[in-house]
Amino acid sequence: MRELDVKVITENVAEMCKEAAYYLPEDVYNGLRRGRETEKSEVGKIVLDQIIRNAEIARAEDRPYCQDTGMTIFFVKLGQDLHIVGGNFTEAINAGIAKGYTEGYLRKSVVAEPLFNRVNTKNNTPGVIYTEIVPGDRLEITIAPKGFGSENKSGVKMLVPADGVRGVKKAVMEIILHASMNPCPPMVVGVGIGGTMDRAALLSKKALTRSIDERNPMPEYAKLEEELLELINSTGIGPQLGGTTSALAVNVEWGPTHIAGLPVAVTICCHAMRHSHRIL
């Protein structure tokens, strides 16, 4: 049984929060550059030039890529042979968020209660933590800070099996068209299909942690990703002010579901598709 002290978790989470805020992943950066090369709109080209330059400045100067440094989402794989010692696992993660967002001068955007008393927690805690128990003695952490300009335009559609592929495309496009230019495109679109309402939403968020250069390993879903991307890029939404680069990628994840169900969830991410990954 391997032991891991919570202090190590806190320190790593703090560093990861800053990394995610400052450094746009290479796949997204390269996707923006490809979009710039194929963009048809002159205004769209100018916008993409500014977005790319912003990413370069943020990386060079260790500055937040976007002022909305997000609500911090964690996808954790916890090895069943790993023993967390020295404190509480969840508290250690939240302590890391507080440390990282304070040391990194990142905007604190979390309120403790959502409706009647919206008071800022002043350290961006708590995070949203999804934990999966897996074989082994390692701790794998993926951080995905999620801004709410795009989060607010995400959605879930509860379909029936008879709706099929055509219904899935229609559901996704309804959400995208409703979102329009509000999520700060070019977007990366995560789609979750199957499970239950909440499971589909989780799948759509996990889809955003996959490289935009990597297609779903199942050919049918890879084809669906490509078809949806083509549909989204034909809307004219473009990079914020119209154009042909509305989305950089569509990532689809799926899960088993009930014989009577076909849940479809769409999580939209803006061009600030930030994440950080470590194995401890």
C-alpha atoms as a PDB file:
ATOM      1  CA  MET A   1       0.000   0.000   0.000  1.00  0.00           C
ATOM      2  CA  ARG A   2       1.565   3.260  -1.154  1.00  0.00           C
ATOM      3  CA  GLU A   3       1.009   6.414   0.911  1.00  0.00           C
ATOM      4  CA  LEU A   4       0.554   9.951  -0.377  1.00  0.00           C
ATOM      5  CA  ASP A   5       0.455  12.945   1.940  1.00  0.00           C
ATOM      6  CA  VAL A   6      -2.297  15.514   1.379  1.00  0.00           C
ATOM      7  CA  LYS A   7       0.329  18.274   1.399  1.00  0.00           C
ATOM      8  CA  VAL A   8       1.697  16.910  -1.885  1.00  0.00           C
ATOM      9  CA  ILE A   9      -1.803  17.001  -3.374  1.00  0.00           C
ATOM     10  CA  THR A  10      -2.372  20.587  -2.237  1.00  0.00           C
ATOM     11  CA  GLU A  11       0.930  21.822  -3.659  1.00  0.00           C
ATOM     12  CA  ASN A  12       0.383  20.121  -7.000  1.00  0.00           C
ATOM     13  CA  VAL A  13      -3.194  21.361  -7.314  1.00  0.00           C
ATOM     14  CA  ALA A  14      -2.026  24.924  -6.617  1.00  0.00           C
ATOM     15  CA  GLU A  15       0.567  24.692  -9.386  1.00  0.00           C
ATOM     16  CA  MET A  16      -1.927  23.119 -11.778  1.00  0.00           C
ATOM     17  CA  CYS A  17      -4.454  25.907 -11.233  1.00  0.00           C
ATOM     18  CA  LYS A  18      -1.870  28.472 -12.301  1.00  0.00           C
ATOM     19  CA  GLU A  19      -0.647  26.374 -15.236  1.00  0.00           C
ATOM     20  CA  ALA A  20      -4.174  25.916 -16.550  1.00  0.00           C
ATOM     21  CA  ALA A  21      -4.890  29.651 -16.311  1.00  0.00           C
ATOM     22  CA  TYR A  22      -1.657  30.746 -18.006  1.00  0.00           C
ATOM     23  CA  TYR A  23      -0.882  28.141 -20.663  1.00  0.00           C
ATOM     24  CA  LEU A  24      -3.317  27.264 -23.435  1.00  0.00           C
ATOM     25  CA  PRO A  25      -2.742  23.596 -24.411  1.00  0.00           C
ATOM     26  CA  GLU A  26      -0.743  23.081 -27.600  1.00  0.00           C
ATOM     27  CA  ASP A  27      -3.545  21.222 -29.387  1.00  0.00           C
ATOM     28  CA  VAL A  28      -5.920  24.155 -28.878  1.00  0.00           C
ATOM     29  CA  TYR A  29      -3.277  26.729 -29.842  1.00  0.00           C
ATOM     30  CA  ASN A  30      -2.468  24.799 -33.009  1.00  0.00           C
ATOM     31  CA  GLY A  31      -6.180  24.445 -33.727  1.00  0.00           C
ATOM     32  CA  LEU A  32      -6.557  28.216 -33.563  1.00  0.00           C
ATOM     33  CA  ARG A  33      -3.691  28.643 -36.020  1.00  0.00           C
ATOM     34  CA  ARG A  34      -5.263  26.138 -38.416  1.00  0.00           C
ATOM     35  CA  GLY A  35      -8.550  27.985 -38.106  1.00  0.00           C
ATOM     36  CA  ARG A  36      -6.784  31.227 -38.983  1.00  0.00           C
ATOM     37  CA  GLU A  37      -5.381  29.636 -42.142  1.00  0.00           C
ATOM     38  CA  THR A  38      -8.801  28.482 -43.371  1.00  0.00           C
ATOM     39  CA  GLU A  39     -10.973  31.357 -42.096  1.00  0.00           C
ATOM     40  CA  LYS A  40     -12.900  33.020 -44.928  1.00  0.00           C
ATOM     41  CA  SER A  41     -14.017  36.185 -43.133  1.00  0.00           C
ATOM     42  CA  GLU A  42     -11.590  39.113 -42.996  1.00  0.00           C
ATOM     43  CA  VAL A  43     -13.018  40.177 -39.635  1.00  0.00           C
ATOM     44  CA  GLY A  44     -12.737  36.575 -38.448  1.00  0.00           C
ATOM     45  CA  LYS A  45      -9.061  36.548 -39.399  1.00  0.00           C
ATOM     46  CA  ILE A  46      -8.432  39.674 -37.352  1.00  0.00           C
ATOM     47  CA  VAL A  47     -10.226  38.190 -34.335  1.00  0.00           C
ATOM     48  CA  LEU A  48      -8.250  34.954 -34.584  1.00  0.00           C
ATOM     49  CA  ASP A  49      -4.989  36.902 -34.856  1.00  0.00           C
ATOM     50  CA  GLN A  50      -5.865  38.658 -31.586  1.00  0.00           C
ATOM     51  CA  ILE A  51      -6.846  35.418 -29.854  1.00  0.00           C
ATOM     52  CA  ILE A  52      -3.592  33.736 -30.911  1.00  0.00           C
ATOM     53  CA  ARG A  53      -1.513  36.723 -29.821  1.00  0.00           C
ATOM     54  CA  ASN A  54      -3.308  36.754 -26.476  1.00  0.00           C
ATOM     55  CA  ALA A  55      -2.350  33.106 -25.917  1.00  0.00           C
ATOM     56  CA  GLU A  56       1.275  33.871 -26.707  1.00  0.00           C
ATOM     57  CA  ILE A  57       1.405  36.826 -24.299  1.00  0.00           C
ATOM     58  CA  ALA A  58      -0.270  34.797 -21.532  1.00  0.00           C
ATOM     59  CA  ARG A  59       2.298  31.997 -21.873  1.00  0.00           C
ATOM     60  CA  ALA A  60       5.301  34.332 -22.109  1.00  0.00           C
ATOM     61  CA  GLU A  61       4.316  36.485 -19.134  1.00  0.00           C
ATOM     62  CA  ASP A  62       2.559  33.927 -16.886  1.00  0.00           C
ATOM     63  CA  ARG A  63      -0.702  35.857 -17.061  1.00  0.00           C
ATOM     64  CA  PRO A  64      -4.252  34.490 -17.159  1.00  0.00           C
ATOM     65  CA  TYR A  65      -5.349  33.711 -20.709  1.00  0.00           C
ATOM     66  CA  CYS A  66      -8.858  34.987 -19.844  1.00  0.00           C
ATOM     67  CA  GLN A  67     -10.123  37.120 -16.978  1.00  0.00           C
ATOM     68  CA  ASP A  68     -12.734  34.451 -16.172  1.00  0.00           C
ATOM     69  CA  THR A  69     -10.437  31.868 -14.624  1.00  0.00           C
ATOM     70  CA  GLY A  70     -13.430  29.628 -14.105  1.00  0.00           C
ATOM     71  CA  MET A  71     -14.970  27.283 -11.637  1.00  0.00           C
ATOM     72  CA  THR A  72     -12.378  24.560 -11.118  1.00  0.00           C
ATOM     73  CA  ILE A  73     -13.498  21.113 -12.231  1.00  0.00           C
ATOM     74  CA  PHE A  74     -11.516  18.007 -11.282  1.00  0.00           C
ATOM     75  CA  PHE A  75     -11.509  14.588 -12.881  1.00  0.00           C
ATOM     76  CA  VAL A  76      -9.674  12.336 -10.458  1.00  0.00           C
ATOM     77  CA  LYS A  77      -8.597   8.711 -10.871  1.00  0.00           C
ATOM     78  CA  LEU A  78      -7.718   7.385  -7.428  1.00  0.00           C
ATOM     79  CA  GLY A  79      -5.815   4.099  -7.286  1.00  0.00           C
ATOM     80  CA  GLN A  80      -7.432   1.620  -4.902  1.00  0.00           C
ATOM     81  CA  ASP A  81      -3.995   0.712  -3.517  1.00  0.00           C
ATOM     82  CA  LEU A  82      -3.136   4.314  -2.658  1.00  0.00           C
ATOM     83  CA  HIS A  83      -3.562   5.502   0.932  1.00  0.00           C
ATOM     84  CA  ILE A  84      -4.112   9.248   1.370  1.00  0.00           C
ATOM     85  CA  VAL A  85      -2.537  10.337   4.661  1.00  0.00           C
ATOM     86  CA  GLY A  86      -2.221  13.510   6.712  1.00  0.00           C
ATOM     87  CA  GLY A  87      -5.717  14.860   6.222  1.00  0.00           C
ATOM     88  CA  ASN A  88      -8.879  14.905   4.153  1.00  0.00           C
ATOM     89  CA  PHE A  89      -8.607  14.343   0.396  1.00  0.00           C
ATOM     90  CA  THR A  90     -11.343  16.792  -0.632  1.00  0.00           C
ATOM     91  CA  GLU A  91     -10.061  19.452   1.754  1.00  0.00           C
ATOM     92  CA  ALA A  92      -6.569  19.015   0.301  1.00  0.00           C
ATOM     93  CA  ILE A  93      -7.857  19.703  -3.220  1.00  0.00           C
ATOM     94  CA  ASN A  94      -9.790  22.769  -2.096  1.00  0.00           C
ATOM     95  CA  ALA A  95      -6.753  24.035  -0.200  1.00  0.00           C
ATOM     96  CA  GLY A  96      -4.796  23.717  -3.441  1.00  0.00           C
ATOM     97  CA  ILE A  97      -7.406  25.740  -5.319  1.00  0.00           C
ATOM     98  CA  ALA A  98      -7.314  28.475  -2.683  1.00  0.00           C
ATOM     99  CA  LYS A  99      -3.508  28.555  -2.732  1.00  0.00           C
ATOM    100  CA  GLY A 100      -3.222  28.553  -6.514  1.00  0.00           C
ATOM    101  CA  TYR A 101      -5.881  31.180  -7.145  1.00  0.00           C
ATOM    102  CA  THR A 102      -4.476  33.454  -4.422  1.00  0.00           C
ATOM    103  CA  GLU A 103      -0.795  33.086  -5.355  1.00  0.00           C
ATOM    104  CA  GLY A 104      -1.567  33.348  -9.072  1.00  0.00           C
ATOM    105  CA  TYR A 105      -3.762  36.431  -8.673  1.00  0.00           C
ATOM    106  CA  LEU A 106      -6.534  34.571 -10.474  1.00  0.00           C
ATOM    107  CA  ARG A 107     -10.086  35.877 -10.355  1.00  0.00           C
ATOM    108  CA  LYS A 108     -12.198  34.280  -7.628  1.00  0.00           C
ATOM    109  CA  SER A 109     -15.645  33.600  -9.043  1.00  0.00           C
ATOM    110  CA  VAL A 110     -17.384  31.079  -6.764  1.00  0.00           C
ATOM    111  CA  VAL A 111     -20.334  31.954  -4.538  1.00  0.00           C
ATOM    112  CA  ALA A 112     -21.105  29.719  -1.567  1.00  0.00           C
ATOM    113  CA  GLU A 113     -24.874  29.556  -2.084  1.00  0.00           C
ATOM    114  CA  PRO A 114     -26.460  30.001  -5.518  1.00  0.00           C
ATOM    115  CA  LEU A 115     -29.814  31.731  -5.014  1.00  0.00           C
ATOM    116  CA  PHE A 116     -30.584  33.635  -1.818  1.00  0.00           C
ATOM    117  CA  ASN A 117     -27.189  34.732  -0.496  1.00  0.00           C
ATOM    118  CA  ARG A 118     -24.652  34.875  -3.321  1.00  0.00           C
ATOM    119  CA  VAL A 119     -21.530  35.693  -1.309  1.00  0.00           C
ATOM    120  CA  ASN A 120     -18.141  35.151  -2.944  1.00  0.00           C
ATOM    121  CA  THR A 121     -15.974  32.585  -1.119  1.00  0.00           C
ATOM    122  CA  LYS A 122     -12.940  34.766  -2.010  1.00  0.00           C
ATOM    123  CA  ASN A 123     -10.662  31.852  -2.926  1.00  0.00           C
ATOM    124  CA  ASN A 124     -12.590  30.097  -5.742  1.00  0.00           C
ATOM    125  CA  THR A 125     -13.456  27.128  -3.557  1.00  0.00           C
ATOM    126  CA  PRO A 126     -15.010  24.656  -3.522  1.00  0.00           C
ATOM    127  CA  GLY A 127     -14.102  22.902  -6.727  1.00  0.00           C
ATOM    128  CA  VAL A 128     -16.315  20.415  -8.535  1.00  0.00           C
ATOM    129  CA  ILE A 129     -14.667  17.027  -7.990  1.00  0.00           C
ATOM    130  CA  TYR A 130     -15.461  13.802  -9.852  1.00  0.00           C
ATOM    131  CA  THR A 131     -13.590  10.807  -8.426  1.00  0.00           C
ATOM    132  CA  GLU A 132     -13.184   7.405 -10.045  1.00  0.00           C
ATOM    133  CA  ILE A 133     -11.649   4.483  -8.143  1.00  0.00           C
ATOM    134  CA  VAL A 134      -9.257   2.566 -10.412  1.00  0.00           C
ATOM    135  CA  PRO A 135      -6.670  -0.240 -10.031  1.00  0.00           C
ATOM    136  CA  GLY A 136      -3.156   0.735  -8.958  1.00  0.00           C
ATOM    137  CA  ASP A 137      -1.482   3.041  -6.446  1.00  0.00           C
ATOM    138  CA  ARG A 138      -1.364   6.344  -8.336  1.00  0.00           C
ATOM    139  CA  LEU A 139      -3.401   9.522  -8.232  1.00  0.00           C
ATOM    140  CA  GLU A 140      -4.247  11.025 -11.635  1.00  0.00           C
ATOM    141  CA  ILE A 141      -5.657  14.545 -11.616  1.00  0.00           C
ATOM    142  CA  THR A 142      -7.041  16.533 -14.526  1.00  0.00           C
ATOM    143  CA  ILE A 143      -8.065  20.132 -13.839  1.00  0.00           C
ATOM    144  CA  ALA A 144     -10.430  21.905 -16.222  1.00  0.00           C
ATOM    145  CA  PRO A 145     -11.254  25.501 -15.168  1.00  0.00           C
ATOM    146  CA  LYS A 146     -14.629  26.318 -16.746  1.00  0.00           C
ATOM    147  CA  GLY A 147     -15.679  29.863 -17.489  1.00  0.00           C
ATOM    148  CA  PHE A 148     -19.386  30.554 -17.385  1.00  0.00           C
ATOM    149  CA  GLY A 149     -19.853  32.540 -20.572  1.00  0.00           C
ATOM    150  CA  SER A 150     -19.822  29.196 -22.361  1.00  0.00           C
ATOM    151  CA  GLU A 151     -21.123  27.105 -19.453  1.00  0.00           C
ATOM    152  CA  ASN A 152     -24.333  29.127 -19.394  1.00  0.00           C
ATOM    153  CA  LYS A 153     -25.010  28.141 -23.007  1.00  0.00           C
ATOM    154  CA  SER A 154     -24.608  24.396 -22.490  1.00  0.00           C
ATOM    155  CA  GLY A 155     -27.630  22.115 -22.324  1.00  0.00           C
ATOM    156  CA  VAL A 156     -29.245  18.681 -22.098  1.00  0.00           C
ATOM    157  CA  LYS A 157     -31.867  17.143 -24.372  1.00  0.00           C
ATOM    158  CA  MET A 158     -33.745  13.979 -23.393  1.00  0.00           C
ATOM    159  CA  LEU A 159     -34.428  12.066 -26.603  1.00  0.00           C
ATOM    160  CA  VAL A 160     -35.963   8.667 -27.298  1.00  0.00           C
ATOM    161  CA  PRO A 161     -34.200   5.910 -29.273  1.00  0.00           C
ATOM    162  CA  ALA A 162     -36.412   6.513 -32.318  1.00  0.00           C
ATOM    163  CA  ASP A 163     -34.828   9.980 -32.684  1.00  0.00           C
ATOM    164  CA  GLY A 164     -31.594   8.282 -33.730  1.00  0.00           C
ATOM    165  CA  VAL A 165     -28.565  10.016 -35.236  1.00  0.00           C
ATOM    166  CA  ARG A 166     -30.730  12.611 -36.948  1.00  0.00           C
ATOM    167  CA  GLY A 167     -32.313  13.546 -33.614  1.00  0.00           C
ATOM    168  CA  VAL A 168     -28.917  13.782 -31.919  1.00  0.00           C
ATOM    169  CA  LYS A 169     -27.639  16.177 -34.584  1.00  0.00           C
ATOM    170  CA  LYS A 170     -30.815  18.256 -34.322  1.00  0.00           C
ATOM    171  CA  ALA A 171     -30.501  18.431 -30.517  1.00  0.00           C
ATOM    172  CA  VAL A 172     -26.853  19.480 -30.644  1.00  0.00           C
ATOM    173  CA  MET A 173     -27.487  22.122 -33.284  1.00  0.00           C
ATOM    174  CA  GLU A 174     -30.441  23.592 -31.381  1.00  0.00           C
ATOM    175  CA  ILE A 175     -28.148  24.181 -28.406  1.00  0.00           C
ATOM    176  CA  ILE A 176     -25.373  25.597 -30.600  1.00  0.00           C
ATOM    177  CA  LEU A 177     -27.684  27.937 -32.496  1.00  0.00           C
ATOM    178  CA  HIS A 178     -29.242  29.141 -29.247  1.00  0.00           C
ATOM    179  CA  ALA A 179     -25.742  29.836 -27.921  1.00  0.00           C
ATOM    180  CA  SER A 180     -24.735  31.670 -31.120  1.00  0.00           C
ATOM    181  CA  MET A 181     -21.806  34.058 -30.491  1.00  0.00           C
ATOM    182  CA  ASN A 182     -22.296  34.269 -26.727  1.00  0.00           C
ATOM    183  CA  PRO A 183     -19.811  31.514 -25.676  1.00  0.00           C
ATOM    184  CA  CYS A 184     -16.786  33.408 -27.109  1.00  0.00           C
ATOM    185  CA  PRO A 185     -16.169  31.235 -30.173  1.00  0.00           C
ATOM    186  CA  PRO A 186     -14.359  29.551 -31.739  1.00  0.00           C
ATOM    187  CA  MET A 187     -15.780  26.873 -29.497  1.00  0.00           C
ATOM    188  CA  VAL A 188     -14.774  23.382 -28.556  1.00  0.00           C
ATOM    189  CA  VAL A 189     -17.923  21.309 -28.157  1.00  0.00           C
ATOM    190  CA  GLY A 190     -18.200  18.313 -25.852  1.00  0.00           C
ATOM    191  CA  VAL A 191     -21.125  15.968 -26.495  1.00  0.00           C
ATOM    192  CA  GLY A 192     -22.227  13.231 -24.105  1.00  0.00           C
ATOM    193  CA  ILE A 193     -24.615  10.560 -25.361  1.00  0.00           C
ATOM    194  CA  GLY A 194     -26.243   7.926 -23.170  1.00  0.00           C
ATOM    195  CA  GLY A 195     -26.389   7.176 -19.476  1.00  0.00           C
ATOM    196  CA  THR A 196     -28.879   9.283 -17.537  1.00  0.00           C
ATOM    197  CA  MET A 197     -29.459  13.036 -17.676  1.00  0.00           C
ATOM    198  CA  ASP A 198     -26.635  13.720 -15.214  1.00  0.00           C
ATOM    199  CA  ARG A 199     -24.332  11.069 -16.680  1.00  0.00           C
ATOM    200  CA  ALA A 200     -24.681  12.505 -20.193  1.00  0.00           C
ATOM    201  CA  ALA A 201     -23.724  15.935 -18.840  1.00  0.00           C
ATOM    202  CA  LEU A 202     -20.648  14.474 -17.145  1.00  0.00           C
ATOM    203  CA  LEU A 203     -19.658  12.653 -20.331  1.00  0.00           C
ATOM    204  CA  SER A 204     -19.919  15.901 -22.280  1.00  0.00           C
ATOM    205  CA  LYS A 205     -17.569  17.611 -19.820  1.00  0.00           C
ATOM    206  CA  LYS A 206     -15.079  14.753 -19.847  1.00  0.00           C
ATOM    207  CA  ALA A 207     -15.088  14.961 -23.645  1.00  0.00           C
ATOM    208  CA  LEU A 208     -13.493  18.399 -23.351  1.00  0.00           C
ATOM    209  CA  THR A 209     -10.418  16.942 -21.632  1.00  0.00           C
ATOM    210  CA  ARG A 210      -9.570  14.952 -24.761  1.00  0.00           C
ATOM    211  CA  SER A 211      -7.191  16.500 -27.296  1.00  0.00           C
ATOM    212  CA  ILE A 212      -9.004  18.244 -30.136  1.00  0.00           C
ATOM    213  CA  ASP A 213      -6.717  16.305 -32.493  1.00  0.00           C
ATOM    214  CA  GLU A 214      -7.959  12.939 -31.210  1.00  0.00           C
ATOM    215  CA  ARG A 215     -11.140  11.408 -32.621  1.00  0.00           C
ATOM    216  CA  ASN A 216     -13.390   8.942 -30.827  1.00  0.00           C
ATOM    217  CA  PRO A 217     -11.940   5.428 -31.266  1.00  0.00           C
ATOM    218  CA  MET A 218     -15.315   4.060 -32.453  1.00  0.00           C
ATOM    219  CA  PRO A 219     -15.625   4.887 -36.184  1.00  0.00           C
ATOM    220  CA  GLU A 220     -19.329   5.740 -36.022  1.00  0.00           C
ATOM    221  CA  TYR A 221     -18.751   8.321 -33.309  1.00  0.00           C
ATOM    222  CA  ALA A 222     -15.650   9.685 -35.052  1.00  0.00           C
ATOM    223  CA  LYS A 223     -17.800  10.246 -38.146  1.00  0.00           C
ATOM    224  CA  LEU A 224     -20.460  11.943 -36.016  1.00  0.00           C
ATOM    225  CA  GLU A 225     -17.806  14.282 -34.568  1.00  0.00           C
ATOM    226  CA  GLU A 226     -16.715  15.297 -38.052  1.00  0.00           C
ATOM    227  CA  GLU A 227     -20.296  15.789 -39.285  1.00  0.00           C
ATOM    228  CA  LEU A 228     -21.239  17.926 -36.293  1.00  0.00           C
ATOM    229  CA  LEU A 229     -18.116  20.058 -36.701  1.00  0.00           C
ATOM    230  CA  GLU A 230     -19.013  20.677 -40.336  1.00  0.00           C
ATOM    231  CA  LEU A 231     -22.582  21.639 -39.386  1.00  0.00           C
ATOM    232  CA  ILE A 232     -21.396  24.041 -36.667  1.00  0.00           C
ATOM    233  CA  ASN A 233     -18.836  25.674 -38.940  1.00  0.00           C
ATOM    234  CA  SER A 234     -21.490  26.228 -41.603  1.00  0.00           C
ATOM    235  CA  THR A 235     -23.658  28.338 -39.254  1.00  0.00           C
ATOM    236  CA  GLY A 236     -21.733  31.575 -39.847  1.00  0.00           C
ATOM    237  CA  ILE A 237     -21.237  32.109 -36.094  1.00  0.00           C
ATOM    238  CA  GLY A 238     -17.502  32.278 -36.670  1.00  0.00           C
ATOM    239  CA  PRO A 239     -14.882  33.610 -34.251  1.00  0.00           C
ATOM    240  CA  GLN A 240     -17.073  35.975 -32.218  1.00  0.00           C
ATOM    241  CA  LEU A 241     -18.001  38.389 -35.039  1.00  0.00           C
ATOM    242  CA  GLY A 242     -18.997  35.980 -37.786  1.00  0.00           C
ATOM    243  CA  GLY A 243     -17.046  33.713 -40.110  1.00  0.00           C
ATOM    244  CA  THR A 244     -16.287  30.088 -40.841  1.00  0.00           C
ATOM    245  CA  THR A 245     -14.296  29.057 -37.753  1.00  0.00           C
ATOM    246  CA  SER A 246     -17.179  28.606 -35.322  1.00  0.00           C
ATOM    247  CA  ALA A 247     -15.679  25.544 -33.618  1.00  0.00           C
ATOM    248  CA  LEU A 248     -12.246  23.958 -33.474  1.00  0.00           C
ATOM    249  CA  ALA A 249     -13.512  20.462 -32.670  1.00  0.00           C
ATOM    250  CA  VAL A 250     -16.428  18.354 -31.513  1.00  0.00           C
ATOM    251  CA  ASN A 251     -15.544  15.583 -29.049  1.00  0.00           C
ATOM    252  CA  VAL A 252     -18.192  12.930 -28.405  1.00  0.00           C
ATOM    253  CA  GLU A 253     -18.212  10.506 -25.470  1.00  0.00           C
ATOM    254  CA  TRP A 254     -20.891   7.856 -24.936  1.00  0.00           C
ATOM    255  CA  GLY A 255     -22.119   5.505 -22.235  1.00  0.00           C
ATOM    256  CA  PRO A 256     -24.664   2.705 -21.756  1.00  0.00           C
ATOM    257  CA  THR A 257     -28.246   3.833 -21.284  1.00  0.00           C
ATOM    258  CA  HIS A 258     -31.792   2.559 -20.683  1.00  0.00           C
ATOM    259  CA  ILE A 259     -33.721   0.855 -23.503  1.00  0.00           C
ATOM    260  CA  ALA A 260     -36.189   3.768 -23.483  1.00  0.00           C
ATOM    261  CA  GLY A 261     -33.657   6.590 -23.391  1.00  0.00           C
ATOM    262  CA  LEU A 262     -31.246   8.596 -25.518  1.00  0.00           C
ATOM    263  CA  PRO A 263     -29.929  11.473 -23.391  1.00  0.00           C
ATOM    264  CA  VAL A 264     -27.796  14.038 -25.209  1.00  0.00           C
ATOM    265  CA  ALA A 265     -25.762  16.685 -23.379  1.00  0.00           C
ATOM    266  CA  VAL A 266     -23.697  19.482 -24.888  1.00  0.00           C
ATOM    267  CA  THR A 267     -21.018  21.326 -22.945  1.00  0.00           C
ATOM    268  CA  ILE A 268     -19.686  24.294 -24.860  1.00  0.00           C
ATOM    269  CA  CYS A 269     -16.235  25.638 -24.108  1.00  0.00           C
ATOM    270  CA  CYS A 270     -14.921  28.933 -25.412  1.00  0.00           C
ATOM    271  CA  HIS A 271     -11.538  29.216 -27.115  1.00  0.00           C
ATOM    272  CA  ALA A 272     -10.012  29.341 -23.610  1.00  0.00           C
ATOM    273  CA  MET A 273     -10.181  25.552 -23.331  1.00  0.00           C
ATOM    274  CA  ARG A 274      -7.734  25.241 -20.469  1.00  0.00           C
ATOM    275  CA  HIS A 275      -6.695  22.137 -18.566  1.00  0.00           C
ATOM    276  CA  SER A 276      -3.779  20.667 -16.674  1.00  0.00           C
ATOM    277  CA  HIS A 277      -2.929  17.031 -15.975  1.00  0.00           C
ATOM    278  CA  ARG A 278      -0.626  15.300 -13.488  1.00  0.00           C
ATOM    279  CA  ILE A 279      -0.016  11.846 -12.097  1.00  0.00           C
ATOM    280  CA  LEU A 280       1.195  11.615  -8.480  1.00  0.00           C
END
